[in-house]
Amino acid sequence: MTTTDKDFEKNVKEFVNRLTEIENEITILRQDRSELFAEMKNKLDTRSFRAALKIHNLQTSTPDQYSLQKILSVLETNGQ
């Protein structure tokens, strides 16, 4: 194996190791999230909370709040 091949192998192994660590952390965070929702299930309507959170995130990420409010108003008026 040449130096270039050794460097390549080292880079691949480093990448795989780091990626594996990140994937493990993501798994742990997903489990923590599920446990949090399970804990709050008796205190909040978690289904409504998830819906409200989605709405909040969409509203705060929309640059044109005026247009958003006008569109929502029309949709609510027409029962959509």
PDB file of N, CA and C in Angstrom:
ATOM      1  N   MET A   1       0.852  -1.172   0.000  1.00  0.00           N
ATOM      2  CA  MET A   1       0.000   0.000   0.000  1.00  0.00           C
ATOM      3  C   MET A   1       0.904   1.244   0.000  1.00  0.00           C
ATOM      4  N   THR A   2       0.589   2.179  -0.866  1.00  0.00           N
ATOM      5  CA  THR A   2       1.380   3.407  -0.918  1.00  0.00           C
ATOM      6  C   THR A   2       0.912   4.367   0.153  1.00  0.00           C
ATOM      7  N   THR A   3       1.665   5.431   0.308  1.00  0.00           N
ATOM      8  CA  THR A   3       1.302   6.445   1.299  1.00  0.00           C
ATOM      9  C   THR A   3      -0.073   7.007   0.999  1.00  0.00           C
ATOM     10  N   THR A   4      -0.352   7.216  -0.264  1.00  0.00           N
ATOM     11  CA  THR A   4      -1.654   7.737  -0.663  1.00  0.00           C
ATOM     12  C   THR A   4      -2.764   6.758  -0.282  1.00  0.00           C
ATOM     13  N   ASP A   5      -2.523   5.479  -0.510  1.00  0.00           N
ATOM     14  CA  ASP A   5      -3.508   4.467  -0.135  1.00  0.00           C
ATOM     15  C   ASP A   5      -3.703   4.422   1.375  1.00  0.00           C
ATOM     16  N   LYS A   6      -2.615   4.571   2.117  1.00  0.00           N
ATOM     17  CA  LYS A   6      -2.714   4.568   3.580  1.00  0.00           C
ATOM     18  C   LYS A   6      -3.484   5.789   4.066  1.00  0.00           C
ATOM     19  N   ASP A   7      -3.222   6.921   3.461  1.00  0.00           N
ATOM     20  CA  ASP A   7      -3.964   8.137   3.819  1.00  0.00           C
ATOM     21  C   ASP A   7      -5.444   7.985   3.489  1.00  0.00           C
ATOM     22  N   PHE A   8      -5.695   7.390   2.330  1.00  0.00           N
ATOM     23  CA  PHE A   8      -7.085   7.184   1.925  1.00  0.00           C
ATOM     24  C   PHE A   8      -7.801   6.277   2.917  1.00  0.00           C
ATOM     25  N   GLU A   9      -7.159   5.176   3.263  1.00  0.00           N
ATOM     26  CA  GLU A   9      -7.745   4.240   4.218  1.00  0.00           C
ATOM     27  C   GLU A   9      -7.972   4.908   5.571  1.00  0.00           C
ATOM     28  N   LYS A  10      -7.017   5.691   6.000  1.00  0.00           N
ATOM     29  CA  LYS A  10      -7.141   6.409   7.270  1.00  0.00           C
ATOM     30  C   LYS A  10      -8.319   7.370   7.226  1.00  0.00           C
ATOM     31  N   ASN A  11      -8.467   8.102   6.120  1.00  0.00           N
ATOM     32  CA  ASN A  11      -9.577   9.052   5.981  1.00  0.00           C
ATOM     33  C   ASN A  11     -10.928   8.353   5.975  1.00  0.00           C
ATOM     34  N   VAL A  12     -10.996   7.223   5.277  1.00  0.00           N
ATOM     35  CA  VAL A  12     -12.258   6.469   5.234  1.00  0.00           C
ATOM     36  C   VAL A  12     -12.620   5.970   6.626  1.00  0.00           C
ATOM     37  N   LYS A  13     -11.656   5.412   7.328  1.00  0.00           N
ATOM     38  CA  LYS A  13     -11.924   4.905   8.675  1.00  0.00           C
ATOM     39  C   LYS A  13     -12.332   6.025   9.619  1.00  0.00           C
ATOM     40  N   GLU A  14     -11.659   7.175   9.512  1.00  0.00           N
ATOM     41  CA  GLU A  14     -12.018   8.321  10.349  1.00  0.00           C
ATOM     42  C   GLU A  14     -13.433   8.789  10.054  1.00  0.00           C
ATOM     43  N   PHE A  15     -13.745   8.849   8.776  1.00  0.00           N
ATOM     44  CA  PHE A  15     -15.091   9.267   8.373  1.00  0.00           C
ATOM     45  C   PHE A  15     -16.147   8.310   8.923  1.00  0.00           C
ATOM     46  N   VAL A  16     -15.918   7.017   8.764  1.00  0.00           N
ATOM     47  CA  VAL A  16     -16.870   6.011   9.246  1.00  0.00           C
ATOM     48  C   VAL A  16     -17.037   6.112  10.752  1.00  0.00           C
ATOM     49  N   ASN A  17     -15.943   6.275  11.474  1.00  0.00           N
ATOM     50  CA  ASN A  17     -16.012   6.380  12.932  1.00  0.00           C
ATOM     51  C   ASN A  17     -16.810   7.608  13.364  1.00  0.00           C
ATOM     52  N   ARG A  18     -16.522   8.737  12.743  1.00  0.00           N
ATOM     53  CA  ARG A  18     -17.232   9.970  13.111  1.00  0.00           C
ATOM     54  C   ARG A  18     -18.706   9.885  12.746  1.00  0.00           C
ATOM     55  N   LEU A  19     -18.984   9.322  11.572  1.00  0.00           N
ATOM     56  CA  LEU A  19     -20.375   9.176  11.142  1.00  0.00           C
ATOM     57  C   LEU A  19     -21.134   8.241  12.079  1.00  0.00           C
ATOM     58  N   THR A  20     -20.494   7.172  12.489  1.00  0.00           N
ATOM     59  CA  THR A  20     -21.120   6.230  13.422  1.00  0.00           C
ATOM     60  C   THR A  20     -21.426   6.907  14.755  1.00  0.00           C
ATOM     61  N   GLU A  21     -20.501   7.714  15.243  1.00  0.00           N
ATOM     62  CA  GLU A  21     -20.731   8.455  16.489  1.00  0.00           C
ATOM     63  C   GLU A  21     -21.937   9.381  16.357  1.00  0.00           C
ATOM     64  N   ILE A  22     -22.008  10.086  15.248  1.00  0.00           N
ATOM     65  CA  ILE A  22     -23.125  11.015  15.031  1.00  0.00           C
ATOM     66  C   ILE A  22     -24.437  10.254  14.950  1.00  0.00           C
ATOM     67  N   GLU A  23     -24.460   9.149  14.225  1.00  0.00           N
ATOM     68  CA  GLU A  23     -25.682   8.351  14.111  1.00  0.00           C
ATOM     69  C   GLU A  23     -26.115   7.802  15.470  1.00  0.00           C
ATOM     70  N   ASN A  24     -25.161   7.415  16.291  1.00  0.00           N
ATOM     71  CA  ASN A  24     -25.484   6.940  17.649  1.00  0.00           C
ATOM     72  C   ASN A  24     -26.081   8.068  18.487  1.00  0.00           C
ATOM     73  N   GLU A  25     -25.511   9.259  18.365  1.00  0.00           N
ATOM     74  CA  GLU A  25     -26.043  10.408  19.102  1.00  0.00           C
ATOM     75  C   GLU A  25     -27.457  10.752  18.636  1.00  0.00           C
ATOM     76  N   ILE A  26     -27.700  10.665  17.337  1.00  0.00           N
ATOM     77  CA  ILE A  26     -29.040  10.925  16.802  1.00  0.00           C
ATOM     78  C   ILE A  26     -30.037   9.925  17.374  1.00  0.00           C
ATOM     79  N   THR A  27     -29.641   8.673  17.446  1.00  0.00           N
ATOM     80  CA  THR A  27     -30.509   7.633  18.018  1.00  0.00           C
ATOM     81  C   THR A  27     -30.840   7.948  19.472  1.00  0.00           C
ATOM     82  N   ILE A  28     -29.841   8.335  20.224  1.00  0.00           N
ATOM     83  CA  ILE A  28     -30.053   8.680  21.638  1.00  0.00           C
ATOM     84  C   ILE A  28     -30.998   9.875  21.760  1.00  0.00           C
ATOM     85  N   LEU A  29     -30.794  10.892  20.928  1.00  0.00           N
ATOM     86  CA  LEU A  29     -31.663  12.076  20.970  1.00  0.00           C
ATOM     87  C   LEU A  29     -33.098  11.727  20.586  1.00  0.00           C
ATOM     88  N   ARG A  30     -33.287  10.846  19.629  1.00  0.00           N
ATOM     89  CA  ARG A  30     -34.648  10.417  19.260  1.00  0.00           C
ATOM     90  C   ARG A  30     -35.315   9.696  20.422  1.00  0.00           C
ATOM     91  N   GLN A  31     -34.546   8.853  21.099  1.00  0.00           N
ATOM     92  CA  GLN A  31     -35.088   8.148  22.267  1.00  0.00           C
ATOM     93  C   GLN A  31     -35.455   9.141  23.370  1.00  0.00           C
ATOM     94  N   ASP A  32     -34.580  10.119  23.608  1.00  0.00           N
ATOM     95  CA  ASP A  32     -34.858  11.150  24.613  1.00  0.00           C
ATOM     96  C   ASP A  32     -36.127  11.923  24.260  1.00  0.00           C
ATOM     97  N   ARG A  33     -36.283  12.243  22.984  1.00  0.00           N
ATOM     98  CA  ARG A  33     -37.471  12.976  22.519  1.00  0.00           C
ATOM     99  C   ARG A  33     -38.735  12.153  22.765  1.00  0.00           C
ATOM    100  N   SER A  34     -38.675  10.877  22.434  1.00  0.00           N
ATOM    101  CA  SER A  34     -39.826   9.998  22.655  1.00  0.00           C
ATOM    102  C   SER A  34     -40.168   9.899  24.134  1.00  0.00           C
ATOM    103  N   GLU A  35     -39.143   9.792  24.963  1.00  0.00           N
ATOM    104  CA  GLU A  35     -39.368   9.712  26.406  1.00  0.00           C
ATOM    105  C   GLU A  35     -39.982  11.000  26.939  1.00  0.00           C
ATOM    106  N   LEU A  36     -39.537  12.136  26.421  1.00  0.00           N
ATOM    107  CA  LEU A  36     -40.092  13.418  26.846  1.00  0.00           C
ATOM    108  C   LEU A  36     -41.578  13.502  26.500  1.00  0.00           C
ATOM    109  N   PHE A  37     -41.931  13.108  25.274  1.00  0.00           N
ATOM    110  CA  PHE A  37     -43.342  13.131  24.896  1.00  0.00           C
ATOM    111  C   PHE A  37     -44.153  12.151  25.735  1.00  0.00           C
ATOM    112  N   ALA A  38     -43.574  11.016  26.065  1.00  0.00           N
ATOM    113  CA  ALA A  38     -44.271  10.045  26.913  1.00  0.00           C
ATOM    114  C   ALA A  38     -44.506  10.618  28.311  1.00  0.00           C
ATOM    115  N   GLU A  39     -43.508  11.324  28.851  1.00  0.00           N
ATOM    116  CA  GLU A  39     -43.648  11.951  30.164  1.00  0.00           C
ATOM    117  C   GLU A  39     -44.741  13.014  30.163  1.00  0.00           C
ATOM    118  N   MET A  40     -44.817  13.772  29.090  1.00  0.00           N
ATOM    119  CA  MET A  40     -45.752  14.897  29.022  1.00  0.00           C
ATOM    120  C   MET A  40     -47.156  14.473  28.605  1.00  0.00           C
ATOM    121  N   LYS A  41     -47.320  13.225  28.199  1.00  0.00           N
ATOM    122  CA  LYS A  41     -48.605  12.741  27.694  1.00  0.00           C
ATOM    123  C   LYS A  41     -49.742  12.952  28.703  1.00  0.00           C
ATOM    124  N   ASN A  42     -49.442  12.810  29.986  1.00  0.00           N
ATOM    125  CA  ASN A  42     -50.468  12.980  31.012  1.00  0.00           C
ATOM    126  C   ASN A  42     -50.673  14.438  31.402  1.00  0.00           C
ATOM    127  N   LYS A  43     -49.768  15.312  30.974  1.00  0.00           N
ATOM    128  CA  LYS A  43     -49.849  16.726  31.343  1.00  0.00           C
ATOM    129  C   LYS A  43     -50.357  17.604  30.205  1.00  0.00           C
ATOM    130  N   LEU A  44     -50.112  17.184  28.966  1.00  0.00           N
ATOM    131  CA  LEU A  44     -50.506  17.955  27.793  1.00  0.00           C
ATOM    132  C   LEU A  44     -51.119  17.037  26.753  1.00  0.00           C
ATOM    133  N   ASP A  45     -51.917  17.613  25.900  1.00  0.00           N
ATOM    134  CA  ASP A  45     -52.375  16.878  24.723  1.00  0.00           C
ATOM    135  C   ASP A  45     -51.228  16.953  23.718  1.00  0.00           C
ATOM    136  N   THR A  46     -50.410  15.899  23.697  1.00  0.00           N
ATOM    137  CA  THR A  46     -49.194  15.948  22.887  1.00  0.00           C
ATOM    138  C   THR A  46     -49.491  16.033  21.394  1.00  0.00           C
ATOM    139  N   ARG A  47     -50.600  15.499  20.959  1.00  0.00           N
ATOM    140  CA  ARG A  47     -50.966  15.597  19.541  1.00  0.00           C
ATOM    141  C   ARG A  47     -51.233  17.050  19.168  1.00  0.00           C
ATOM    142  N   SER A  48     -51.978  17.748  20.004  1.00  0.00           N
ATOM    143  CA  SER A  48     -52.238  19.171  19.769  1.00  0.00           C
ATOM    144  C   SER A  48     -50.947  19.977  19.888  1.00  0.00           C
ATOM    145  N   PHE A  49     -50.105  19.587  20.832  1.00  0.00           N
ATOM    146  CA  PHE A  49     -48.837  20.282  21.002  1.00  0.00           C
ATOM    147  C   PHE A  49     -47.977  20.161  19.749  1.00  0.00           C
ATOM    148  N   ARG A  50     -47.895  18.957  19.203  1.00  0.00           N
ATOM    149  CA  ARG A  50     -47.103  18.753  17.979  1.00  0.00           C
ATOM    150  C   ARG A  50     -47.650  19.602  16.834  1.00  0.00           C
ATOM    151  N   ALA A  51     -48.982  19.655  16.701  1.00  0.00           N
ATOM    152  CA  ALA A  51     -49.598  20.459  15.649  1.00  0.00           C
ATOM    153  C   ALA A  51     -49.301  21.939  15.863  1.00  0.00           C
ATOM    154  N   ALA A  52     -49.432  22.393  17.100  1.00  0.00           N
ATOM    155  CA  ALA A  52     -49.159  23.797  17.408  1.00  0.00           C
ATOM    156  C   ALA A  52     -47.698  24.144  17.146  1.00  0.00           C
ATOM    157  N   LEU A  53     -46.812  23.235  17.470  1.00  0.00           N
ATOM    158  CA  LEU A  53     -45.389  23.464  17.239  1.00  0.00           C
ATOM    159  C   LEU A  53     -45.082  23.565  15.741  1.00  0.00           C
ATOM    160  N   LYS A  54     -45.711  22.709  14.942  1.00  0.00           N
ATOM    161  CA  LYS A  54     -45.531  22.784  13.487  1.00  0.00           C
ATOM    162  C   LYS A  54     -46.018  24.127  12.955  1.00  0.00           C
ATOM    163  N   ILE A  55     -47.198  24.546  13.420  1.00  0.00           N
ATOM    164  CA  ILE A  55     -47.755  25.829  12.985  1.00  0.00           C
ATOM    165  C   ILE A  55     -46.823  26.962  13.388  1.00  0.00           C
ATOM    166  N   HIS A  56     -46.362  26.937  14.617  1.00  0.00           N
ATOM    167  CA  HIS A  56     -45.454  27.974  15.108  1.00  0.00           C
ATOM    168  C   HIS A  56     -44.181  28.043  14.249  1.00  0.00           C
ATOM    169  N   ASN A  57     -43.599  26.878  13.984  1.00  0.00           N
ATOM    170  CA  ASN A  57     -42.366  26.841  13.194  1.00  0.00           C
ATOM    171  C   ASN A  57     -42.597  27.353  11.776  1.00  0.00           C
ATOM    172  N   LEU A  58     -43.734  27.012  11.201  1.00  0.00           N
ATOM    173  CA  LEU A  58     -44.048  27.520   9.856  1.00  0.00           C
ATOM    174  C   LEU A  58     -44.250  29.030   9.877  1.00  0.00           C
ATOM    175  N   GLN A  59     -44.970  29.504  10.874  1.00  0.00           N
ATOM    176  CA  GLN A  59     -45.225  30.944  10.955  1.00  0.00           C
ATOM    177  C   GLN A  59     -43.947  31.738  11.168  1.00  0.00           C
ATOM    178  N   THR A  60     -43.074  31.261  12.019  1.00  0.00           N
ATOM    179  CA  THR A  60     -41.856  32.019  12.298  1.00  0.00           C
ATOM    180  C   THR A  60     -40.849  31.928  11.155  1.00  0.00           C
ATOM    181  N   SER A  61     -40.995  30.923  10.289  1.00  0.00           N
ATOM    182  CA  SER A  61     -40.050  30.789   9.176  1.00  0.00           C
ATOM    183  C   SER A  61     -40.565  31.453   7.901  1.00  0.00           C
ATOM    184  N   THR A  62     -41.787  31.979   7.940  1.00  0.00           N
ATOM    185  CA  THR A  62     -42.365  32.633   6.757  1.00  0.00           C
ATOM    186  C   THR A  62     -41.943  34.096   6.747  1.00  0.00           C
ATOM    187  N   PRO A  63     -41.249  34.522   5.680  1.00  0.00           N
ATOM    188  CA  PRO A  63     -40.745  35.900   5.657  1.00  0.00           C
ATOM    189  C   PRO A  63     -41.840  36.955   5.515  1.00  0.00           C
ATOM    190  N   ASP A  64     -42.908  36.646   4.791  1.00  0.00           N
ATOM    191  CA  ASP A  64     -43.959  37.635   4.557  1.00  0.00           C
ATOM    192  C   ASP A  64     -45.158  37.326   5.461  1.00  0.00           C
ATOM    193  N   GLN A  65     -45.095  37.820   6.686  1.00  0.00           N
ATOM    194  CA  GLN A  65     -46.141  37.550   7.674  1.00  0.00           C
ATOM    195  C   GLN A  65     -47.488  38.138   7.262  1.00  0.00           C
ATOM    196  N   TYR A  66     -47.470  39.288   6.610  1.00  0.00           N
ATOM    197  CA  TYR A  66     -48.709  39.937   6.191  1.00  0.00           C
ATOM    198  C   TYR A  66     -49.467  39.040   5.212  1.00  0.00           C
ATOM    199  N   SER A  67     -48.773  38.537   4.202  1.00  0.00           N
ATOM    200  CA  SER A  67     -49.423  37.651   3.226  1.00  0.00           C
ATOM    201  C   SER A  67     -49.916  36.371   3.890  1.00  0.00           C
ATOM    202  N   LEU A  68     -49.107  35.842   4.776  1.00  0.00           N
ATOM    203  CA  LEU A  68     -49.505  34.630   5.479  1.00  0.00           C
ATOM    204  C   LEU A  68     -50.806  34.845   6.237  1.00  0.00           C
ATOM    205  N   GLN A  69     -50.909  35.947   6.978  1.00  0.00           N
ATOM    206  CA  GLN A  69     -52.124  36.222   7.745  1.00  0.00           C
ATOM    207  C   GLN A  69     -53.332  36.425   6.844  1.00  0.00           C
ATOM    208  N   LYS A  70     -53.141  37.096   5.710  1.00  0.00           N
ATOM    209  CA  LYS A  70     -54.251  37.290   4.768  1.00  0.00           C
ATOM    210  C   LYS A  70     -54.731  35.954   4.212  1.00  0.00           C
ATOM    211  N   ILE A  71     -53.808  35.096   3.839  1.00  0.00           N
ATOM    212  CA  ILE A  71     -54.174  33.780   3.295  1.00  0.00           C
ATOM    213  C   ILE A  71     -54.886  32.950   4.352  1.00  0.00           C
ATOM    214  N   LEU A  72     -54.359  32.937   5.570  1.00  0.00           N
ATOM    215  CA  LEU A  72     -55.004  32.186   6.655  1.00  0.00           C
ATOM    216  C   LEU A  72     -56.400  32.705   6.929  1.00  0.00           C
ATOM    217  N   SER A  73     -56.557  34.008   6.877  1.00  0.00           N
ATOM    218  CA  SER A  73     -57.866  34.611   7.110  1.00  0.00           C
ATOM    219  C   SER A  73     -58.873  34.144   6.065  1.00  0.00           C
ATOM    220  N   VAL A  74     -58.454  34.120   4.821  1.00  0.00           N
ATOM    221  CA  VAL A  74     -59.346  33.660   3.749  1.00  0.00           C
ATOM    222  C   VAL A  74     -59.681  32.187   3.938  1.00  0.00           C
ATOM    223  N   LEU A  75     -58.701  31.374   4.266  1.00  0.00           N
ATOM    224  CA  LEU A  75     -58.934  29.947   4.467  1.00  0.00           C
ATOM    225  C   LEU A  75     -59.873  29.698   5.636  1.00  0.00           C
ATOM    226  N   GLU A  76     -59.689  30.438   6.718  1.00  0.00           N
ATOM    227  CA  GLU A  76     -60.545  30.264   7.898  1.00  0.00           C
ATOM    228  C   GLU A  76     -61.968  30.724   7.614  1.00  0.00           C
ATOM    229  N   THR A  77     -62.112  31.795   6.853  1.00  0.00           N
ATOM    230  CA  THR A  77     -63.441  32.329   6.506  1.00  0.00           C
ATOM    231  C   THR A  77     -64.209  31.356   5.631  1.00  0.00           C
ATOM    232  N   ASN A  78     -63.498  30.702   4.728  1.00  0.00           N
ATOM    233  CA  ASN A  78     -64.147  29.767   3.810  1.00  0.00           C
ATOM    234  C   ASN A  78     -64.241  28.356   4.359  1.00  0.00           C
ATOM    235  N   GLY A  79     -63.801  28.154   5.577  1.00  0.00           N
ATOM    236  CA  GLY A  79     -63.920  26.854   6.206  1.00  0.00           C
ATOM    237  C   GLY A  79     -63.016  25.799   5.592  1.00  0.00           C
ATOM    238  N   GLN A  80     -61.917  26.190   5.035  1.00  0.00           N
ATOM    239  CA  GLN A  80     -60.990  25.250   4.400  1.00  0.00           C
ATOM    240  C   GLN A  80     -60.207  24.575   5.458  1.00  0.00           C
TER     241      GLN A  80
END
